[in-house]
Amino acid sequence: MSTDDVPEYPLGNTPAEDERLAWQAERFDPVTEQFFRVAGLDNGQRVLELGSGAGHVAMLVSRIVGPTGDVVGIERDGGSIARARARVAEAGLRNVSFTQSDVNEIPRTDPFDAAVGRFILMFLQDPVPVVRSLCRLVRPGGVVAFQEVSWAAFLKRCSQLPLCFASVSLIHETFLRTGANTEMGPALPSVFQKAGLPAPAMTSTMLLGNAKDLAKWLVDLLQIMRPQFEYAGLSQSKLGDLDTLPDRLLHELASSPGVIGGPDLVGGWSRIPAGLSTS
């Protein structure tokens, strides 16, 4: 598989992925909101949100900045933007808009108070130039904040559960083979500093601590990623019958004496220094 053949986003931009993201957002948003508030997002701010998808994080940010604030979401997929705009309209939000653009080519506008993202840098071939470009889009003293993942501890926690480990390993390996960085969370300090920002303040949270939510999250990911398994040359044989997988996986997780959780959500935030060169 050549580099040219690697898809840019292994989960796709389908309505099914939109539904999965909506369910995921309900569980992840409280932690992301807390992280953004600690990072400095507040009422009345103008915020740039990268990799909007179907708009879940942009809508979360809109609740933080309130009606006097402004949220601009960046998304390259037109179908995702259409679903995001419909969701925003249905919610009656008037402080959220979306721009169709690659994150490497964000048009320059009036300065933002903050630039944020969730699970976006992990899918970029080189996140450093993207983070560096935010220095010309965010005002001096403004915030750059990203929440990413770490799968390492998750793999260890489920290593004694054969079906869970097979499911997690298949998803993890597929991400790796399609170019994603599954340890982008711990890599945030390096990315920020290479981009010219101060070393970020860091947070880490384990989510999906109950068996039912974790089983559904894994099964939904496996279903969405099935086309990528063949693309990446990976076998699903260790999972057994996919029709019975949800019940078997839930039973194994519910019988575990410990909390398995999901990937760690790792956040990093920093402020744009005064006088930082944007060249």
C-alpha atoms as a PDB file:
ATOM      1  CA  MET A   1       0.000   0.000   0.000  1.00  0.00           C
ATOM      2  CA  SER A   2       1.641   3.201  -1.146  1.00  0.00           C
ATOM      3  CA  THR A   3       1.440   6.519   0.661  1.00  0.00           C
ATOM      4  CA  ASP A   4      -0.647   7.918  -2.193  1.00  0.00           C
ATOM      5  CA  ASP A   5      -3.284   5.231  -1.527  1.00  0.00           C
ATOM      6  CA  VAL A   6      -3.739   6.056   2.154  1.00  0.00           C
ATOM      7  CA  PRO A   7      -7.187   7.590   2.798  1.00  0.00           C
ATOM      8  CA  GLU A   8      -7.154  10.891   4.651  1.00  0.00           C
ATOM      9  CA  TYR A   9      -9.941   9.958   7.090  1.00  0.00           C
ATOM     10  CA  PRO A  10     -10.445   6.227   7.725  1.00  0.00           C
ATOM     11  CA  LEU A  11     -13.911   6.610   9.282  1.00  0.00           C
ATOM     12  CA  GLY A  12     -15.421   8.272   6.220  1.00  0.00           C
ATOM     13  CA  ASN A  13     -17.973  11.096   5.992  1.00  0.00           C
ATOM     14  CA  THR A  14     -21.190   9.089   5.722  1.00  0.00           C
ATOM     15  CA  PRO A  15     -24.571   9.518   7.457  1.00  0.00           C
ATOM     16  CA  ALA A  16     -23.760   6.342   9.430  1.00  0.00           C
ATOM     17  CA  GLU A  17     -20.556   7.921  10.720  1.00  0.00           C
ATOM     18  CA  ASP A  18     -22.553  11.055  11.547  1.00  0.00           C
ATOM     19  CA  GLU A  19     -24.886   8.942  13.715  1.00  0.00           C
ATOM     20  CA  ARG A  20     -21.924   7.302  15.433  1.00  0.00           C
ATOM     21  CA  LEU A  21     -20.357  10.701  16.113  1.00  0.00           C
ATOM     22  CA  ALA A  22     -23.633  12.000  17.551  1.00  0.00           C
ATOM     23  CA  TRP A  23     -23.751   9.127  20.050  1.00  0.00           C
ATOM     24  CA  GLN A  24     -20.054   9.602  20.851  1.00  0.00           C
ATOM     25  CA  ALA A  25     -20.480  13.345  21.325  1.00  0.00           C
ATOM     26  CA  GLU A  26     -23.120  12.810  24.010  1.00  0.00           C
ATOM     27  CA  ARG A  27     -20.546  10.867  26.073  1.00  0.00           C
ATOM     28  CA  PHE A  28     -17.430  12.887  25.264  1.00  0.00           C
ATOM     29  CA  ASP A  29     -18.787  16.449  25.213  1.00  0.00           C
ATOM     30  CA  PRO A  30     -18.879  17.006  29.004  1.00  0.00           C
ATOM     31  CA  VAL A  31     -15.160  16.218  29.266  1.00  0.00           C
ATOM     32  CA  THR A  32     -14.322  18.300  26.192  1.00  0.00           C
ATOM     33  CA  GLU A  33     -16.351  21.231  27.489  1.00  0.00           C
ATOM     34  CA  GLN A  34     -14.567  21.126  30.834  1.00  0.00           C
ATOM     35  CA  PHE A  35     -11.207  21.017  29.038  1.00  0.00           C
ATOM     36  CA  PHE A  36     -12.064  23.996  26.802  1.00  0.00           C
ATOM     37  CA  ARG A  37     -13.233  26.058  29.782  1.00  0.00           C
ATOM     38  CA  VAL A  38     -10.053  25.296  31.724  1.00  0.00           C
ATOM     39  CA  ALA A  39      -8.072  26.280  28.617  1.00  0.00           C
ATOM     40  CA  GLY A  40      -9.686  29.712  28.679  1.00  0.00           C
ATOM     41  CA  LEU A  41     -12.710  29.614  26.365  1.00  0.00           C
ATOM     42  CA  ASP A  42     -15.365  31.964  27.693  1.00  0.00           C
ATOM     43  CA  ASN A  43     -18.475  33.960  26.968  1.00  0.00           C
ATOM     44  CA  GLY A  44     -18.315  36.390  24.041  1.00  0.00           C
ATOM     45  CA  GLN A  45     -15.223  34.946  22.371  1.00  0.00           C
ATOM     46  CA  ARG A  46     -14.669  34.327  18.673  1.00  0.00           C
ATOM     47  CA  VAL A  47     -13.474  30.725  18.211  1.00  0.00           C
ATOM     48  CA  LEU A  48     -12.123  28.774  15.243  1.00  0.00           C
ATOM     49  CA  GLU A  49     -12.938  25.047  15.350  1.00  0.00           C
ATOM     50  CA  LEU A  50     -10.928  22.692  13.108  1.00  0.00           C
ATOM     51  CA  GLY A  51     -12.269  19.513  11.523  1.00  0.00           C
ATOM     52  CA  SER A  52     -15.922  20.183  12.276  1.00  0.00           C
ATOM     53  CA  GLY A  53     -17.363  17.017  10.756  1.00  0.00           C
ATOM     54  CA  ALA A  54     -21.107  17.228  11.356  1.00  0.00           C
ATOM     55  CA  GLY A  55     -20.770  20.097  13.806  1.00  0.00           C
ATOM     56  CA  HIS A  56     -20.845  18.500  17.259  1.00  0.00           C
ATOM     57  CA  VAL A  57     -17.794  20.282  18.695  1.00  0.00           C
ATOM     58  CA  ALA A  58     -18.761  23.591  17.090  1.00  0.00           C
ATOM     59  CA  MET A  59     -22.138  23.379  18.821  1.00  0.00           C
ATOM     60  CA  LEU A  60     -20.446  22.560  22.115  1.00  0.00           C
ATOM     61  CA  VAL A  61     -18.222  25.630  21.749  1.00  0.00           C
ATOM     62  CA  SER A  62     -21.260  27.763  20.909  1.00  0.00           C
ATOM     63  CA  ARG A  63     -22.689  26.956  24.348  1.00  0.00           C
ATOM     64  CA  ILE A  64     -19.471  28.175  25.971  1.00  0.00           C
ATOM     65  CA  VAL A  65     -19.183  31.466  24.076  1.00  0.00           C
ATOM     66  CA  GLY A  66     -22.908  32.192  24.243  1.00  0.00           C
ATOM     67  CA  PRO A  67     -25.019  34.330  21.894  1.00  0.00           C
ATOM     68  CA  THR A  68     -22.516  37.189  21.968  1.00  0.00           C
ATOM     69  CA  GLY A  69     -19.722  34.876  20.837  1.00  0.00           C
ATOM     70  CA  ASP A  70     -18.978  33.479  17.408  1.00  0.00           C
ATOM     71  CA  VAL A  71     -17.874  30.010  16.245  1.00  0.00           C
ATOM     72  CA  VAL A  72     -16.423  29.324  12.785  1.00  0.00           C
ATOM     73  CA  GLY A  73     -16.051  25.641  11.923  1.00  0.00           C
ATOM     74  CA  ILE A  74     -13.597  24.440   9.279  1.00  0.00           C
ATOM     75  CA  GLU A  75     -14.495  21.270   7.362  1.00  0.00           C
ATOM     76  CA  ARG A  76     -13.376  20.053   3.944  1.00  0.00           C
ATOM     77  CA  ASP A  77     -16.291  17.657   3.212  1.00  0.00           C
ATOM     78  CA  GLY A  78     -19.338  19.321   1.702  1.00  0.00           C
ATOM     79  CA  GLY A  79     -21.757  16.616   2.824  1.00  0.00           C
ATOM     80  CA  SER A  80     -20.604  16.943   6.418  1.00  0.00           C
ATOM     81  CA  ILE A  81     -21.037  20.714   6.270  1.00  0.00           C
ATOM     82  CA  ALA A  82     -24.595  20.306   4.984  1.00  0.00           C
ATOM     83  CA  ARG A  83     -25.456  18.001   7.911  1.00  0.00           C
ATOM     84  CA  ALA A  84     -23.720  20.363  10.333  1.00  0.00           C
ATOM     85  CA  ARG A  85     -25.674  23.369   9.070  1.00  0.00           C
ATOM     86  CA  ALA A  86     -28.932  21.436   9.344  1.00  0.00           C
ATOM     87  CA  ARG A  87     -28.115  20.419  12.908  1.00  0.00           C
ATOM     88  CA  VAL A  88     -27.213  23.999  13.874  1.00  0.00           C
ATOM     89  CA  ALA A  89     -30.403  25.341  12.295  1.00  0.00           C
ATOM     90  CA  GLU A  90     -32.523  22.747  14.090  1.00  0.00           C
ATOM     91  CA  ALA A  91     -30.914  23.755  17.394  1.00  0.00           C
ATOM     92  CA  GLY A  92     -31.667  27.425  16.666  1.00  0.00           C
ATOM     93  CA  LEU A  93     -28.039  28.491  17.019  1.00  0.00           C
ATOM     94  CA  ARG A  94     -27.165  31.762  15.302  1.00  0.00           C
ATOM     95  CA  ASN A  95     -23.541  32.051  16.428  1.00  0.00           C
ATOM     96  CA  VAL A  96     -22.156  29.099  14.424  1.00  0.00           C
ATOM     97  CA  SER A  97     -21.054  29.097  10.775  1.00  0.00           C
ATOM     98  CA  PHE A  98     -18.980  26.714   8.665  1.00  0.00           C
ATOM     99  CA  THR A  99     -16.330  27.243   6.014  1.00  0.00           C
ATOM    100  CA  GLN A 100     -15.399  24.548   3.520  1.00  0.00           C
ATOM    101  CA  SER A 101     -11.615  24.406   3.529  1.00  0.00           C
ATOM    102  CA  ASP A 102      -8.696  22.096   4.111  1.00  0.00           C
ATOM    103  CA  VAL A 103      -7.133  22.723   7.522  1.00  0.00           C
ATOM    104  CA  ASN A 104      -3.874  23.539   5.732  1.00  0.00           C
ATOM    105  CA  GLU A 105      -5.524  26.354   3.750  1.00  0.00           C
ATOM    106  CA  ILE A 106      -7.736  28.220   6.233  1.00  0.00           C
ATOM    107  CA  PRO A 107      -8.524  31.698   4.873  1.00  0.00           C
ATOM    108  CA  ARG A 108      -7.260  34.576   6.993  1.00  0.00           C
ATOM    109  CA  THR A 109      -9.932  36.720   8.651  1.00  0.00           C
ATOM    110  CA  ASP A 110     -10.227  38.946  11.708  1.00  0.00           C
ATOM    111  CA  PRO A 111      -8.247  37.401  14.595  1.00  0.00           C
ATOM    112  CA  PHE A 112      -9.842  34.683  16.716  1.00  0.00           C
ATOM    113  CA  ASP A 113      -9.685  34.476  20.497  1.00  0.00           C
ATOM    114  CA  ALA A 114      -9.080  30.730  20.313  1.00  0.00           C
ATOM    115  CA  ALA A 115      -8.568  27.813  17.932  1.00  0.00           C
ATOM    116  CA  VAL A 116      -9.694  24.359  19.054  1.00  0.00           C
ATOM    117  CA  GLY A 117     -10.207  20.827  17.834  1.00  0.00           C
ATOM    118  CA  ARG A 118     -11.071  17.319  18.974  1.00  0.00           C
ATOM    119  CA  PHE A 119      -9.612  14.209  17.302  1.00  0.00           C
ATOM    120  CA  ILE A 120      -8.308  16.148  14.295  1.00  0.00           C
ATOM    121  CA  LEU A 121      -4.508  16.325  14.574  1.00  0.00           C
ATOM    122  CA  MET A 122      -4.276  12.515  14.790  1.00  0.00           C
ATOM    123  CA  PHE A 123      -5.454  12.264  11.169  1.00  0.00           C
ATOM    124  CA  LEU A 124      -2.994  14.793   9.736  1.00  0.00           C
ATOM    125  CA  GLN A 125       0.191  13.624   8.051  1.00  0.00           C
ATOM    126  CA  ASP A 126       2.067  16.510   9.692  1.00  0.00           C
ATOM    127  CA  PRO A 127       0.133  18.501  12.320  1.00  0.00           C
ATOM    128  CA  VAL A 128       2.983  20.940  13.043  1.00  0.00           C
ATOM    129  CA  PRO A 129       2.382  23.286  10.049  1.00  0.00           C
ATOM    130  CA  VAL A 130      -1.341  23.340  10.829  1.00  0.00           C
ATOM    131  CA  VAL A 131      -0.766  24.326  14.449  1.00  0.00           C
ATOM    132  CA  ARG A 132       1.872  26.854  13.361  1.00  0.00           C
ATOM    133  CA  SER A 133      -0.615  28.431  10.944  1.00  0.00           C
ATOM    134  CA  LEU A 134      -2.972  29.108  13.850  1.00  0.00           C
ATOM    135  CA  CYS A 135      -0.467  31.645  15.153  1.00  0.00           C
ATOM    136  CA  ARG A 136      -1.533  34.023  12.352  1.00  0.00           C
ATOM    137  CA  LEU A 137      -5.232  33.372  12.946  1.00  0.00           C
ATOM    138  CA  VAL A 138      -5.398  33.698  16.747  1.00  0.00           C
ATOM    139  CA  ARG A 139      -4.624  36.984  18.513  1.00  0.00           C
ATOM    140  CA  PRO A 140      -1.608  37.295  20.850  1.00  0.00           C
ATOM    141  CA  GLY A 141      -2.676  35.928  24.222  1.00  0.00           C
ATOM    142  CA  GLY A 142      -5.347  33.791  22.558  1.00  0.00           C
ATOM    143  CA  VAL A 143      -5.696  30.074  23.122  1.00  0.00           C
ATOM    144  CA  VAL A 144      -4.809  27.035  21.015  1.00  0.00           C
ATOM    145  CA  ALA A 145      -6.387  23.884  22.495  1.00  0.00           C
ATOM    146  CA  PHE A 146      -6.647  20.345  21.135  1.00  0.00           C
ATOM    147  CA  GLN A 147      -8.053  17.158  22.641  1.00  0.00           C
ATOM    148  CA  GLU A 148      -6.592  13.994  21.148  1.00  0.00           C
ATOM    149  CA  VAL A 149      -6.271  10.297  22.089  1.00  0.00           C
ATOM    150  CA  SER A 150      -3.868   7.753  23.502  1.00  0.00           C
ATOM    151  CA  TRP A 151      -4.584   4.074  22.850  1.00  0.00           C
ATOM    152  CA  ALA A 152      -1.530   2.605  24.624  1.00  0.00           C
ATOM    153  CA  ALA A 153      -3.034   2.224  28.098  1.00  0.00           C
ATOM    154  CA  PHE A 154      -6.354   1.071  26.621  1.00  0.00           C
ATOM    155  CA  LEU A 155      -4.628  -1.821  24.859  1.00  0.00           C
ATOM    156  CA  LYS A 156      -2.978  -2.845  28.125  1.00  0.00           C
ATOM    157  CA  ARG A 157      -6.210  -2.628  30.110  1.00  0.00           C
ATOM    158  CA  CYS A 158      -8.039  -5.032  27.788  1.00  0.00           C
ATOM    159  CA  SER A 159      -5.107  -7.406  27.169  1.00  0.00           C
ATOM    160  CA  GLN A 160      -6.600 -10.129  29.406  1.00  0.00           C
ATOM    161  CA  LEU A 161      -9.983 -10.096  27.631  1.00  0.00           C
ATOM    162  CA  PRO A 162      -9.563 -11.983  24.331  1.00  0.00           C
ATOM    163  CA  LEU A 163     -12.556 -10.597  22.440  1.00  0.00           C
ATOM    164  CA  CYS A 164     -12.072  -7.034  23.660  1.00  0.00           C
ATOM    165  CA  PHE A 165      -8.377  -7.180  22.850  1.00  0.00           C
ATOM    166  CA  ALA A 166      -9.078  -8.573  19.352  1.00  0.00           C
ATOM    167  CA  SER A 167     -11.605  -5.785  18.692  1.00  0.00           C
ATOM    168  CA  VAL A 168      -9.397  -2.990  20.025  1.00  0.00           C
ATOM    169  CA  SER A 169      -6.298  -4.339  18.275  1.00  0.00           C
ATOM    170  CA  LEU A 170      -8.095  -4.510  14.917  1.00  0.00           C
ATOM    171  CA  ILE A 171      -9.339  -0.927  15.206  1.00  0.00           C
ATOM    172  CA  HIS A 172      -5.960   0.286  16.436  1.00  0.00           C
ATOM    173  CA  GLU A 173      -3.997  -1.442  13.686  1.00  0.00           C
ATOM    174  CA  THR A 174      -6.392  -0.139  11.043  1.00  0.00           C
ATOM    175  CA  PHE A 175      -5.859   3.405  12.270  1.00  0.00           C
ATOM    176  CA  LEU A 176      -2.097   2.900  12.103  1.00  0.00           C
ATOM    177  CA  ARG A 177      -2.155   1.436   8.602  1.00  0.00           C
ATOM    178  CA  THR A 178      -4.320   4.252   7.300  1.00  0.00           C
ATOM    179  CA  GLY A 179      -1.944   6.887   8.604  1.00  0.00           C
ATOM    180  CA  ALA A 180      -3.514   7.971  11.913  1.00  0.00           C
ATOM    181  CA  ASN A 181      -1.407   8.695  15.000  1.00  0.00           C
ATOM    182  CA  THR A 182      -3.058   6.835  17.891  1.00  0.00           C
ATOM    183  CA  GLU A 183      -0.691   8.531  20.377  1.00  0.00           C
ATOM    184  CA  MET A 184      -1.311  12.093  19.251  1.00  0.00           C
ATOM    185  CA  GLY A 185      -2.439  13.050  22.755  1.00  0.00           C
ATOM    186  CA  PRO A 186       0.951  12.437  24.382  1.00  0.00           C
ATOM    187  CA  ALA A 187       2.603  13.985  21.299  1.00  0.00           C
ATOM    188  CA  LEU A 188       0.870  17.354  21.796  1.00  0.00           C
ATOM    189  CA  PRO A 189       3.769  18.967  23.732  1.00  0.00           C
ATOM    190  CA  SER A 190       6.168  18.160  20.906  1.00  0.00           C
ATOM    191  CA  VAL A 191       3.746  19.384  18.227  1.00  0.00           C
ATOM    192  CA  PHE A 192       3.038  22.648  20.042  1.00  0.00           C
ATOM    193  CA  GLN A 193       6.670  23.452  20.676  1.00  0.00           C
ATOM    194  CA  LYS A 194       7.770  22.589  17.138  1.00  0.00           C
ATOM    195  CA  ALA A 195       5.039  24.953  15.941  1.00  0.00           C
ATOM    196  CA  GLY A 196       6.591  27.748  18.025  1.00  0.00           C
ATOM    197  CA  LEU A 197       4.117  27.707  20.921  1.00  0.00           C
ATOM    198  CA  PRO A 198       4.967  27.386  24.616  1.00  0.00           C
ATOM    199  CA  ALA A 199       4.792  23.914  26.137  1.00  0.00           C
ATOM    200  CA  PRO A 200       1.073  23.228  26.639  1.00  0.00           C
ATOM    201  CA  ALA A 201      -0.760  22.603  29.883  1.00  0.00           C
ATOM    202  CA  MET A 202      -2.003  18.997  29.753  1.00  0.00           C
ATOM    203  CA  THR A 203      -5.019  16.994  30.935  1.00  0.00           C
ATOM    204  CA  SER A 204      -5.943  13.306  30.619  1.00  0.00           C
ATOM    205  CA  THR A 205      -9.281  11.529  31.170  1.00  0.00           C
ATOM    206  CA  MET A 206     -10.423   7.918  30.731  1.00  0.00           C
ATOM    207  CA  LEU A 207     -13.970   7.612  29.384  1.00  0.00           C
ATOM    208  CA  LEU A 208     -16.506   4.868  28.631  1.00  0.00           C
ATOM    209  CA  GLY A 209     -16.095   3.233  32.034  1.00  0.00           C
ATOM    210  CA  ASN A 210     -19.222   1.070  31.784  1.00  0.00           C
ATOM    211  CA  ALA A 211     -19.432  -2.135  29.770  1.00  0.00           C
ATOM    212  CA  LYS A 212     -22.550  -1.233  27.772  1.00  0.00           C
ATOM    213  CA  ASP A 213     -21.162   2.041  26.395  1.00  0.00           C
ATOM    214  CA  LEU A 214     -17.733   0.591  25.670  1.00  0.00           C
ATOM    215  CA  ALA A 215     -19.186  -2.426  23.836  1.00  0.00           C
ATOM    216  CA  LYS A 216     -21.410  -0.215  21.674  1.00  0.00           C
ATOM    217  CA  TRP A 217     -18.570   2.203  20.918  1.00  0.00           C
ATOM    218  CA  LEU A 218     -16.270  -0.618  19.791  1.00  0.00           C
ATOM    219  CA  VAL A 219     -18.925  -2.408  17.723  1.00  0.00           C
ATOM    220  CA  ASP A 220     -19.950   0.837  16.011  1.00  0.00           C
ATOM    221  CA  LEU A 221     -16.320   1.568  15.139  1.00  0.00           C
ATOM    222  CA  LEU A 222     -15.838  -1.953  13.789  1.00  0.00           C
ATOM    223  CA  GLN A 223     -18.916  -1.632  11.573  1.00  0.00           C
ATOM    224  CA  ILE A 224     -17.875   1.771  10.229  1.00  0.00           C
ATOM    225  CA  MET A 225     -14.304   0.613   9.585  1.00  0.00           C
ATOM    226  CA  ARG A 226     -15.101  -2.730   7.905  1.00  0.00           C
ATOM    227  CA  PRO A 227     -14.242  -1.436   4.404  1.00  0.00           C
ATOM    228  CA  GLN A 228     -10.836  -0.388   5.726  1.00  0.00           C
ATOM    229  CA  PHE A 229      -9.976  -3.827   7.140  1.00  0.00           C
ATOM    230  CA  GLU A 230      -9.719  -5.347   3.662  1.00  0.00           C
ATOM    231  CA  TYR A 231      -8.003  -2.217   2.357  1.00  0.00           C
ATOM    232  CA  ALA A 232      -5.387  -2.543   5.100  1.00  0.00           C
ATOM    233  CA  GLY A 233      -5.057  -6.321   4.659  1.00  0.00           C
ATOM    234  CA  LEU A 234      -6.337  -7.179   8.147  1.00  0.00           C
ATOM    235  CA  SER A 235      -8.338 -10.260   9.150  1.00  0.00           C
ATOM    236  CA  GLN A 236     -11.549 -10.173  11.201  1.00  0.00           C
ATOM    237  CA  SER A 237     -11.395 -13.905  12.019  1.00  0.00           C
ATOM    238  CA  LYS A 238     -10.604 -13.422  15.726  1.00  0.00           C
ATOM    239  CA  LEU A 239     -13.913 -11.607  16.182  1.00  0.00           C
ATOM    240  CA  GLY A 240     -15.998 -14.621  15.165  1.00  0.00           C
ATOM    241  CA  ASP A 241     -19.566 -14.118  13.928  1.00  0.00           C
ATOM    242  CA  LEU A 242     -20.056 -10.366  13.559  1.00  0.00           C
ATOM    243  CA  ASP A 243     -23.832 -10.734  14.057  1.00  0.00           C
ATOM    244  CA  THR A 244     -23.323 -12.089  17.571  1.00  0.00           C
ATOM    245  CA  LEU A 245     -20.312  -9.921  18.398  1.00  0.00           C
ATOM    246  CA  PRO A 246     -22.250  -7.211  20.300  1.00  0.00           C
ATOM    247  CA  ASP A 247     -23.716  -9.694  22.799  1.00  0.00           C
ATOM    248  CA  ARG A 248     -20.476 -11.651  23.206  1.00  0.00           C
ATOM    249  CA  LEU A 249     -18.389  -8.513  23.680  1.00  0.00           C
ATOM    250  CA  LEU A 250     -20.840  -7.032  26.196  1.00  0.00           C
ATOM    251  CA  HIS A 251     -20.857 -10.281  28.177  1.00  0.00           C
ATOM    252  CA  GLU A 252     -17.057 -10.366  28.315  1.00  0.00           C
ATOM    253  CA  LEU A 253     -16.776  -6.727  29.360  1.00  0.00           C
ATOM    254  CA  ALA A 254     -19.565  -7.010  31.953  1.00  0.00           C
ATOM    255  CA  SER A 255     -17.841 -10.052  33.466  1.00  0.00           C
ATOM    256  CA  SER A 256     -14.511  -8.258  33.841  1.00  0.00           C
ATOM    257  CA  PRO A 257     -13.585  -7.503  37.475  1.00  0.00           C
ATOM    258  CA  GLY A 258     -11.956  -4.195  36.569  1.00  0.00           C
ATOM    259  CA  VAL A 259     -12.816  -1.031  34.608  1.00  0.00           C
ATOM    260  CA  ILE A 260     -11.507  -1.256  31.043  1.00  0.00           C
ATOM    261  CA  GLY A 261     -12.551   2.182  29.838  1.00  0.00           C
ATOM    262  CA  GLY A 262     -11.710   3.475  26.406  1.00  0.00           C
ATOM    263  CA  PRO A 263      -8.757   5.392  24.959  1.00  0.00           C
ATOM    264  CA  ASP A 264      -7.472   8.191  27.142  1.00  0.00           C
ATOM    265  CA  LEU A 265      -8.601  11.661  26.077  1.00  0.00           C
ATOM    266  CA  VAL A 266      -5.509  13.850  26.319  1.00  0.00           C
ATOM    267  CA  GLY A 267      -5.833  17.616  26.071  1.00  0.00           C
ATOM    268  CA  GLY A 268      -3.168  20.256  25.560  1.00  0.00           C
ATOM    269  CA  TRP A 269      -3.556  24.024  25.480  1.00  0.00           C
ATOM    270  CA  SER A 270      -1.246  27.003  25.164  1.00  0.00           C
ATOM    271  CA  ARG A 271      -1.466  30.759  24.575  1.00  0.00           C
ATOM    272  CA  ILE A 272      -0.084  32.640  21.588  1.00  0.00           C
ATOM    273  CA  PRO A 273       2.941  34.622  22.838  1.00  0.00           C
ATOM    274  CA  ALA A 274       3.068  38.339  22.107  1.00  0.00           C
ATOM    275  CA  GLY A 275       5.394  39.078  19.225  1.00  0.00           C
ATOM    276  CA  LEU A 276       5.417  35.519  17.900  1.00  0.00           C
ATOM    277  CA  SER A 277       6.484  35.465  14.250  1.00  0.00           C
ATOM    278  CA  THR A 278       3.817  34.129  11.882  1.00  0.00           C
ATOM    279  CA  SER A 279       6.086  33.774   8.879  1.00  0.00           C
END
